[in-house]
Amino acid sequence: LLVMKQTDGFKLIGFPKDAYDDVRKGSALYIDAHNTNTVVPGYFIEAQYKTSVGYLLVTSFDCPFEESNVFILLDLNYRILAKKYLQMWYETFLLKAHWSVSDTKLMLQYQGNLSYSLTIKPKILGRGYKLVLQKEAASLIYDSSSAPSVH
């Protein structure tokens, strides 16, 4: 059984705030101190994995009362293949733990015993990929044979 491999080479560097706009547009993605020339949504990397498709990043925005995550699938040249947002007005999604259960599936444990799975799936006709986020029953999420990464 192949599983995603957790990595740590990616870093985000935020852009300076525009004088006319208080909201930053995202961050520049670096790997091993080299600019990938890719801009991704988010200011912090919560998790990063290598898959057979490419790389999977989980980013957040540093907003403690309405925190959200963005799941970004990159190809091996760091181009964005797919994005999926987990965000709702007046809701907070603080990631507590995450672990891979296969090469295409990541389990996510949030505060308040909230659990999701994220699956990388090919699009119809095999043209590209999509990320499918599914809420899971909390009692079904933890697999003691996995070693979750705890935040």
N, C-alpha and C. Protein backbone atom coordinates (compact mmCIF):
# COMPACT_ATOMS: atom_id res chain seq x y z
N LEU A 1 0.85 -1.20 0.00
CA LEU A 1 0.00 0.00 0.00
C LEU A 1 0.88 1.24 0.00
N LEU A 2 0.76 2.03 -1.05
CA LEU A 2 1.51 3.28 -1.13
C LEU A 2 0.81 4.36 -0.32
N VAL A 3 1.58 5.18 0.34
CA VAL A 3 1.01 6.32 1.06
C VAL A 3 1.75 7.58 0.67
N MET A 4 1.09 8.71 0.85
CA MET A 4 1.75 9.99 0.63
C MET A 4 2.91 10.11 1.60
N LYS A 5 3.97 10.76 1.16
CA LYS A 5 5.13 10.95 2.02
C LYS A 5 5.16 12.40 2.51
N GLN A 6 5.19 12.58 3.82
CA GLN A 6 5.25 13.92 4.37
C GLN A 6 6.60 14.55 4.04
N THR A 7 6.58 15.83 3.62
CA THR A 7 7.80 16.54 3.26
C THR A 7 7.90 17.82 4.09
N ASP A 8 9.03 18.51 3.97
CA ASP A 8 9.17 19.78 4.70
C ASP A 8 9.95 20.82 3.91
N GLY A 9 10.12 20.62 2.61
CA GLY A 9 10.93 21.54 1.81
C GLY A 9 10.24 22.83 1.38
N PHE A 10 8.90 22.85 1.41
CA PHE A 10 8.19 24.04 0.94
C PHE A 10 8.07 25.10 2.03
N LYS A 11 8.15 26.36 1.61
CA LYS A 11 7.96 27.52 2.50
C LYS A 11 7.13 28.54 1.74
N LEU A 12 6.38 29.36 2.47
CA LEU A 12 5.62 30.45 1.88
C LEU A 12 6.23 31.78 2.31
N ILE A 13 6.31 32.71 1.38
CA ILE A 13 6.77 34.07 1.68
C ILE A 13 5.68 35.01 1.20
N GLY A 14 5.05 35.70 2.16
CA GLY A 14 3.95 36.59 1.85
C GLY A 14 4.42 37.83 1.11
N PHE A 15 3.51 38.39 0.33
CA PHE A 15 3.80 39.63 -0.38
C PHE A 15 3.53 40.80 0.55
N PRO A 16 4.24 41.92 0.36
CA PRO A 16 3.93 43.10 1.17
C PRO A 16 2.51 43.55 0.89
N LYS A 17 1.85 44.06 1.92
CA LYS A 17 0.49 44.57 1.73
C LYS A 17 0.53 45.81 0.85
N ASP A 18 -0.42 45.88 -0.05
CA ASP A 18 -0.57 47.03 -0.93
C ASP A 18 -1.11 48.20 -0.11
N ALA A 19 -0.62 49.40 -0.38
CA ALA A 19 -1.05 50.58 0.37
C ALA A 19 -2.55 50.82 0.24
N TYR A 20 -3.15 50.37 -0.85
CA TYR A 20 -4.58 50.60 -1.09
C TYR A 20 -5.44 49.38 -0.77
N ASP A 21 -4.81 48.32 -0.39
CA ASP A 21 -5.55 47.09 -0.14
C ASP A 21 -4.92 46.38 1.04
N ASP A 22 -5.67 46.22 2.11
CA ASP A 22 -5.15 45.60 3.32
C ASP A 22 -5.02 44.09 3.23
N VAL A 23 -5.59 43.50 2.22
CA VAL A 23 -5.59 42.04 2.12
C VAL A 23 -4.52 41.58 1.15
N ARG A 24 -3.63 40.70 1.62
CA ARG A 24 -2.64 40.11 0.73
C ARG A 24 -3.30 39.09 -0.17
N LYS A 25 -2.76 38.91 -1.33
CA LYS A 25 -3.36 38.03 -2.33
C LYS A 25 -2.91 36.58 -2.22
N GLY A 26 -2.00 36.29 -1.35
CA GLY A 26 -1.48 34.94 -1.22
C GLY A 26 0.00 35.02 -0.92
N SER A 27 0.71 33.95 -1.20
CA SER A 27 2.13 33.89 -0.87
C SER A 27 2.90 33.23 -2.01
N ALA A 28 4.16 33.62 -2.11
CA ALA A 28 5.05 32.98 -3.08
C ALA A 28 5.51 31.65 -2.50
N LEU A 29 5.51 30.63 -3.33
CA LEU A 29 5.90 29.29 -2.89
C LEU A 29 7.38 29.05 -3.21
N TYR A 30 8.12 28.65 -2.19
CA TYR A 30 9.53 28.32 -2.33
C TYR A 30 9.74 26.86 -1.96
N ILE A 31 10.71 26.23 -2.62
CA ILE A 31 11.14 24.89 -2.22
C ILE A 31 12.64 24.92 -2.05
N ASP A 32 13.09 24.48 -0.90
CA ASP A 32 14.52 24.47 -0.59
C ASP A 32 15.18 25.80 -0.94
N ALA A 33 14.54 26.91 -0.54
CA ALA A 33 15.02 28.29 -0.71
C ALA A 33 15.00 28.78 -2.16
N HIS A 34 14.40 28.02 -3.08
CA HIS A 34 14.29 28.44 -4.48
C HIS A 34 12.85 28.83 -4.79
N ASN A 35 12.67 29.97 -5.45
CA ASN A 35 11.34 30.43 -5.83
C ASN A 35 10.79 29.52 -6.93
N THR A 36 9.58 29.02 -6.73
CA THR A 36 8.95 28.15 -7.73
C THR A 36 8.19 28.95 -8.78
N ASN A 37 8.09 30.27 -8.57
CA ASN A 37 7.29 31.16 -9.44
C ASN A 37 5.81 30.80 -9.42
N THR A 38 5.37 30.21 -8.33
CA THR A 38 3.96 29.88 -8.13
C THR A 38 3.46 30.65 -6.93
N VAL A 39 2.26 31.23 -7.06
CA VAL A 39 1.61 31.93 -5.96
C VAL A 39 0.44 31.07 -5.50
N VAL A 40 0.37 30.83 -4.20
CA VAL A 40 -0.70 30.00 -3.65
C VAL A 40 -1.49 30.78 -2.62
N PRO A 41 -2.77 30.46 -2.44
CA PRO A 41 -3.54 31.11 -1.38
C PRO A 41 -3.06 30.63 -0.02
N GLY A 42 -3.02 31.55 0.94
CA GLY A 42 -2.62 31.20 2.30
C GLY A 42 -1.32 31.85 2.70
N TYR A 43 -1.05 31.84 4.00
CA TYR A 43 0.16 32.46 4.55
C TYR A 43 1.04 31.46 5.30
N PHE A 44 0.47 30.31 5.69
CA PHE A 44 1.21 29.28 6.41
C PHE A 44 0.93 27.92 5.80
N ILE A 45 1.95 27.08 5.78
CA ILE A 45 1.76 25.70 5.33
C ILE A 45 1.51 24.85 6.58
N GLU A 46 0.33 24.26 6.63
CA GLU A 46 -0.04 23.40 7.76
C GLU A 46 0.44 21.96 7.54
N ALA A 47 0.50 21.54 6.27
CA ALA A 47 0.94 20.18 5.93
C ALA A 47 1.42 20.18 4.49
N GLN A 48 2.35 19.28 4.20
CA GLN A 48 2.84 19.11 2.83
C GLN A 48 3.22 17.66 2.62
N TYR A 49 2.79 17.13 1.45
CA TYR A 49 3.00 15.73 1.14
C TYR A 49 3.44 15.58 -0.32
N LYS A 50 4.21 14.53 -0.56
CA LYS A 50 4.58 14.12 -1.92
C LYS A 50 3.70 12.94 -2.26
N THR A 51 3.06 12.99 -3.44
CA THR A 51 2.21 11.90 -3.92
C THR A 51 2.73 11.45 -5.28
N SER A 52 2.11 10.42 -5.83
CA SER A 52 2.51 9.97 -7.17
C SER A 52 2.11 11.00 -8.22
N VAL A 53 1.14 11.86 -7.92
CA VAL A 53 0.70 12.90 -8.85
C VAL A 53 1.63 14.12 -8.78
N GLY A 54 2.09 14.45 -7.61
CA GLY A 54 2.92 15.64 -7.39
C GLY A 54 2.99 15.95 -5.91
N TYR A 55 2.64 17.18 -5.56
CA TYR A 55 2.70 17.62 -4.16
C TYR A 55 1.33 18.09 -3.71
N LEU A 56 1.01 17.82 -2.45
CA LEU A 56 -0.22 18.28 -1.85
C LEU A 56 0.13 19.19 -0.68
N LEU A 57 -0.35 20.43 -0.72
CA LEU A 57 -0.12 21.39 0.35
C LEU A 57 -1.44 21.70 1.04
N VAL A 58 -1.37 21.91 2.36
CA VAL A 58 -2.51 22.41 3.13
C VAL A 58 -2.05 23.73 3.71
N THR A 59 -2.72 24.84 3.32
CA THR A 59 -2.32 26.16 3.80
C THR A 59 -3.44 26.77 4.65
N SER A 60 -3.08 27.81 5.43
CA SER A 60 -4.05 28.54 6.23
C SER A 60 -3.73 30.02 6.15
N PHE A 61 -4.60 30.83 6.76
CA PHE A 61 -4.52 32.28 6.59
C PHE A 61 -4.20 33.07 7.86
N ASP A 62 -3.92 32.42 8.98
CA ASP A 62 -3.60 33.12 10.23
C ASP A 62 -4.76 34.01 10.67
N CYS A 63 -5.93 33.43 10.75
CA CYS A 63 -7.12 34.14 11.21
C CYS A 63 -7.75 33.28 12.30
N PRO A 64 -7.35 33.43 13.56
CA PRO A 64 -7.70 32.47 14.61
C PRO A 64 -9.20 32.30 14.86
N PHE A 65 -10.02 33.30 14.55
CA PHE A 65 -11.44 33.17 14.84
C PHE A 65 -12.26 32.71 13.65
N GLU A 66 -11.68 32.75 12.45
CA GLU A 66 -12.34 32.23 11.25
C GLU A 66 -11.30 31.54 10.38
N GLU A 67 -10.51 30.65 10.99
CA GLU A 67 -9.45 29.98 10.25
C GLU A 67 -10.04 29.04 9.21
N SER A 68 -9.35 28.95 8.10
CA SER A 68 -9.76 28.05 7.02
C SER A 68 -8.52 27.39 6.44
N ASN A 69 -8.74 26.38 5.63
CA ASN A 69 -7.64 25.71 4.95
C ASN A 69 -7.88 25.71 3.45
N VAL A 70 -6.77 25.72 2.72
CA VAL A 70 -6.81 25.53 1.28
C VAL A 70 -5.94 24.31 0.98
N PHE A 71 -6.47 23.41 0.18
CA PHE A 71 -5.76 22.21 -0.23
C PHE A 71 -5.34 22.45 -1.68
N ILE A 72 -4.04 22.33 -1.94
CA ILE A 72 -3.50 22.68 -3.25
C ILE A 72 -2.70 21.49 -3.78
N LEU A 73 -3.08 21.02 -4.95
CA LEU A 73 -2.36 19.94 -5.61
C LEU A 73 -1.47 20.55 -6.68
N LEU A 74 -0.18 20.28 -6.61
CA LEU A 74 0.80 20.80 -7.55
C LEU A 74 1.39 19.66 -8.36
N ASP A 75 1.76 19.94 -9.62
CA ASP A 75 2.49 18.94 -10.38
C ASP A 75 3.96 18.99 -9.98
N LEU A 76 4.79 18.18 -10.60
CA LEU A 76 6.21 18.12 -10.23
C LEU A 76 6.97 19.38 -10.63
N ASN A 77 6.36 20.23 -11.48
CA ASN A 77 6.95 21.53 -11.84
C ASN A 77 6.34 22.67 -11.03
N TYR A 78 5.60 22.32 -9.98
CA TYR A 78 5.01 23.28 -9.02
C TYR A 78 3.88 24.10 -9.62
N ARG A 79 3.26 23.63 -10.68
CA ARG A 79 2.07 24.29 -11.23
C ARG A 79 0.84 23.75 -10.50
N ILE A 80 -0.12 24.62 -10.27
CA ILE A 80 -1.34 24.22 -9.55
C ILE A 80 -2.23 23.39 -10.47
N LEU A 81 -2.54 22.18 -10.02
CA LEU A 81 -3.44 21.28 -10.76
C LEU A 81 -4.87 21.38 -10.25
N ALA A 82 -5.03 21.59 -8.93
CA ALA A 82 -6.36 21.65 -8.33
C ALA A 82 -6.28 22.36 -6.99
N LYS A 83 -7.39 23.00 -6.60
CA LYS A 83 -7.51 23.66 -5.29
C LYS A 83 -8.87 23.34 -4.70
N LYS A 84 -8.92 23.25 -3.39
CA LYS A 84 -10.19 23.05 -2.68
C LYS A 84 -10.10 23.85 -1.38
N TYR A 85 -11.16 24.60 -1.07
CA TYR A 85 -11.20 25.43 0.13
C TYR A 85 -12.09 24.78 1.18
N LEU A 86 -11.66 24.84 2.44
CA LEU A 86 -12.50 24.48 3.58
C LEU A 86 -12.66 25.75 4.39
N GLN A 87 -13.78 26.45 4.15
CA GLN A 87 -14.02 27.69 4.87
C GLN A 87 -15.52 27.98 4.86
N MET A 88 -15.97 28.56 5.97
CA MET A 88 -17.35 28.99 6.11
C MET A 88 -17.36 30.25 6.96
N TRP A 89 -18.26 31.15 6.63
CA TRP A 89 -18.38 32.37 7.44
C TRP A 89 -18.64 32.00 8.89
N TYR A 90 -17.93 32.66 9.77
CA TYR A 90 -18.10 32.52 11.23
C TYR A 90 -17.78 31.11 11.74
N GLU A 91 -17.06 30.34 10.97
CA GLU A 91 -16.61 29.01 11.40
C GLU A 91 -15.09 29.00 11.45
N THR A 92 -14.54 28.19 12.33
CA THR A 92 -13.10 28.06 12.45
C THR A 92 -12.71 26.60 12.25
N PHE A 93 -11.73 26.39 11.37
CA PHE A 93 -11.22 25.05 11.11
C PHE A 93 -9.75 25.02 11.51
N LEU A 94 -9.49 24.67 12.78
CA LEU A 94 -8.12 24.58 13.28
C LEU A 94 -7.67 23.13 13.16
N LEU A 95 -6.69 22.91 12.30
CA LEU A 95 -6.19 21.57 12.03
C LEU A 95 -5.37 21.06 13.22
N LYS A 96 -5.80 19.93 13.79
CA LYS A 96 -5.10 19.34 14.94
C LYS A 96 -4.15 18.22 14.52
N ALA A 97 -4.57 17.41 13.53
CA ALA A 97 -3.75 16.27 13.10
C ALA A 97 -4.10 15.92 11.66
N HIS A 98 -3.15 15.30 10.99
CA HIS A 98 -3.37 14.85 9.61
C HIS A 98 -2.48 13.64 9.37
N TRP A 99 -2.98 12.71 8.54
CA TRP A 99 -2.18 11.55 8.19
C TRP A 99 -2.69 10.96 6.89
N SER A 100 -1.77 10.34 6.19
CA SER A 100 -2.05 9.72 4.90
C SER A 100 -2.52 8.29 5.13
N VAL A 101 -3.53 7.88 4.37
CA VAL A 101 -3.98 6.48 4.43
C VAL A 101 -3.74 5.77 3.09
N SER A 102 -3.42 6.55 2.05
CA SER A 102 -3.05 5.97 0.76
C SER A 102 -2.30 7.06 -0.03
N ASP A 103 -1.94 6.75 -1.25
CA ASP A 103 -1.23 7.73 -2.06
C ASP A 103 -2.15 8.86 -2.54
N THR A 104 -3.46 8.65 -2.42
CA THR A 104 -4.41 9.65 -2.89
C THR A 104 -5.39 10.12 -1.82
N LYS A 105 -5.21 9.69 -0.57
CA LYS A 105 -6.18 10.06 0.47
C LYS A 105 -5.48 10.51 1.75
N LEU A 106 -5.93 11.66 2.24
CA LEU A 106 -5.40 12.27 3.45
C LEU A 106 -6.53 12.41 4.46
N MET A 107 -6.29 12.05 5.70
CA MET A 107 -7.27 12.23 6.77
C MET A 107 -6.90 13.50 7.55
N LEU A 108 -7.92 14.25 7.94
CA LEU A 108 -7.73 15.53 8.63
C LEU A 108 -8.59 15.56 9.89
N GLN A 109 -7.97 15.87 11.01
CA GLN A 109 -8.68 15.97 12.29
C GLN A 109 -8.64 17.43 12.73
N TYR A 110 -9.82 18.02 12.93
CA TYR A 110 -9.95 19.42 13.35
C TYR A 110 -10.43 19.50 14.79
N GLN A 111 -10.39 20.73 15.34
CA GLN A 111 -10.87 20.94 16.69
C GLN A 111 -12.33 20.51 16.77
N GLY A 112 -12.76 20.20 17.98
CA GLY A 112 -14.16 19.83 18.17
C GLY A 112 -14.51 18.47 17.59
N ASN A 113 -13.54 17.57 17.46
CA ASN A 113 -13.78 16.22 16.96
C ASN A 113 -14.36 16.20 15.55
N LEU A 114 -14.00 17.20 14.75
CA LEU A 114 -14.46 17.32 13.38
C LEU A 114 -13.43 16.65 12.47
N SER A 115 -13.90 15.76 11.59
CA SER A 115 -12.99 14.99 10.74
C SER A 115 -13.39 15.07 9.28
N TYR A 116 -12.38 15.16 8.41
CA TYR A 116 -12.59 15.18 6.97
C TYR A 116 -11.60 14.25 6.31
N SER A 117 -11.95 13.79 5.12
CA SER A 117 -10.99 13.10 4.25
C SER A 117 -10.84 13.95 3.00
N LEU A 118 -9.64 13.97 2.45
CA LEU A 118 -9.35 14.67 1.20
C LEU A 118 -8.80 13.63 0.24
N THR A 119 -9.44 13.50 -0.92
CA THR A 119 -9.04 12.49 -1.89
C THR A 119 -8.69 13.15 -3.22
N ILE A 120 -7.57 12.74 -3.80
CA ILE A 120 -7.16 13.18 -5.13
C ILE A 120 -7.80 12.22 -6.13
N LYS A 121 -8.62 12.78 -7.04
CA LYS A 121 -9.29 11.93 -8.04
C LYS A 121 -9.05 12.50 -9.43
N PRO A 122 -8.91 11.61 -10.42
CA PRO A 122 -8.80 12.10 -11.80
C PRO A 122 -10.14 12.68 -12.24
N LYS A 123 -10.08 13.73 -13.06
CA LYS A 123 -11.30 14.29 -13.62
C LYS A 123 -11.85 13.35 -14.68
N ILE A 124 -13.08 13.58 -15.06
CA ILE A 124 -13.71 12.78 -16.11
C ILE A 124 -12.85 12.87 -17.38
N LEU A 125 -12.71 11.78 -18.06
CA LEU A 125 -11.90 11.63 -19.27
C LEU A 125 -10.40 11.76 -18.99
N GLY A 126 -10.01 11.72 -17.71
CA GLY A 126 -8.60 11.72 -17.35
C GLY A 126 -7.85 13.01 -17.60
N ARG A 127 -8.56 14.12 -17.75
CA ARG A 127 -7.90 15.41 -18.00
C ARG A 127 -7.78 16.18 -16.71
N GLY A 128 -6.67 16.00 -16.02
CA GLY A 128 -6.44 16.72 -14.79
C GLY A 128 -6.97 15.98 -13.57
N TYR A 129 -6.97 16.70 -12.46
CA TYR A 129 -7.36 16.12 -11.17
C TYR A 129 -8.29 17.05 -10.44
N LYS A 130 -9.03 16.48 -9.50
CA LYS A 130 -9.85 17.28 -8.60
C LYS A 130 -9.60 16.79 -7.18
N LEU A 131 -9.85 17.65 -6.22
CA LEU A 131 -9.73 17.31 -4.81
C LEU A 131 -11.13 17.20 -4.23
N VAL A 132 -11.41 16.08 -3.60
CA VAL A 132 -12.73 15.83 -3.03
C VAL A 132 -12.60 15.82 -1.52
N LEU A 133 -13.31 16.75 -0.88
CA LEU A 133 -13.30 16.89 0.58
C LEU A 133 -14.61 16.33 1.11
N GLN A 134 -14.51 15.41 2.07
CA GLN A 134 -15.70 14.77 2.60
C GLN A 134 -15.66 14.74 4.11
N LYS A 135 -16.76 15.17 4.73
CA LYS A 135 -16.87 15.11 6.19
C LYS A 135 -17.01 13.64 6.60
N GLU A 136 -16.29 13.27 7.65
CA GLU A 136 -16.29 11.88 8.12
C GLU A 136 -16.87 11.81 9.52
N ALA A 137 -17.39 10.64 9.86
CA ALA A 137 -17.84 10.41 11.23
C ALA A 137 -16.61 10.37 12.12
N ALA A 138 -16.62 11.10 13.21
CA ALA A 138 -15.45 11.20 14.08
C ALA A 138 -15.00 9.84 14.60
N SER A 139 -15.94 8.96 14.88
CA SER A 139 -15.59 7.66 15.43
C SER A 139 -14.91 6.76 14.40
N LEU A 140 -15.05 7.09 13.11
CA LEU A 140 -14.48 6.26 12.06
C LEU A 140 -13.11 6.73 11.60
N ILE A 141 -12.69 7.90 12.07
CA ILE A 141 -11.53 8.54 11.45
C ILE A 141 -10.18 7.98 11.91
N TYR A 142 -10.02 7.68 13.18
CA TYR A 142 -8.70 7.35 13.67
C TYR A 142 -8.35 5.89 13.41
N ASP A 143 -7.23 5.68 12.79
CA ASP A 143 -6.71 4.34 12.52
C ASP A 143 -5.45 4.18 13.35
N SER A 144 -5.47 3.31 14.33
CA SER A 144 -4.34 3.18 15.24
C SER A 144 -3.08 2.68 14.54
N SER A 145 -3.20 2.11 13.35
CA SER A 145 -2.02 1.65 12.63
C SER A 145 -1.31 2.82 11.93
N SER A 146 -2.02 3.96 11.82
CA SER A 146 -1.41 5.16 11.23
C SER A 146 -0.74 5.96 12.33
N ALA A 147 0.24 6.74 11.95
CA ALA A 147 0.89 7.62 12.90
C ALA A 147 0.55 9.06 12.51
N PRO A 148 -0.52 9.61 13.07
CA PRO A 148 -0.91 10.95 12.66
C PRO A 148 0.11 12.00 13.04
N SER A 149 0.20 13.02 12.23
CA SER A 149 1.06 14.15 12.52
C SER A 149 0.24 15.15 13.32
N VAL A 150 0.66 15.44 14.52
CA VAL A 150 -0.10 16.30 15.43
C VAL A 150 0.48 17.69 15.41
N HIS A 151 -0.42 18.68 15.37
CA HIS A 151 0.00 20.09 15.40
C HIS A 151 0.09 20.58 16.82
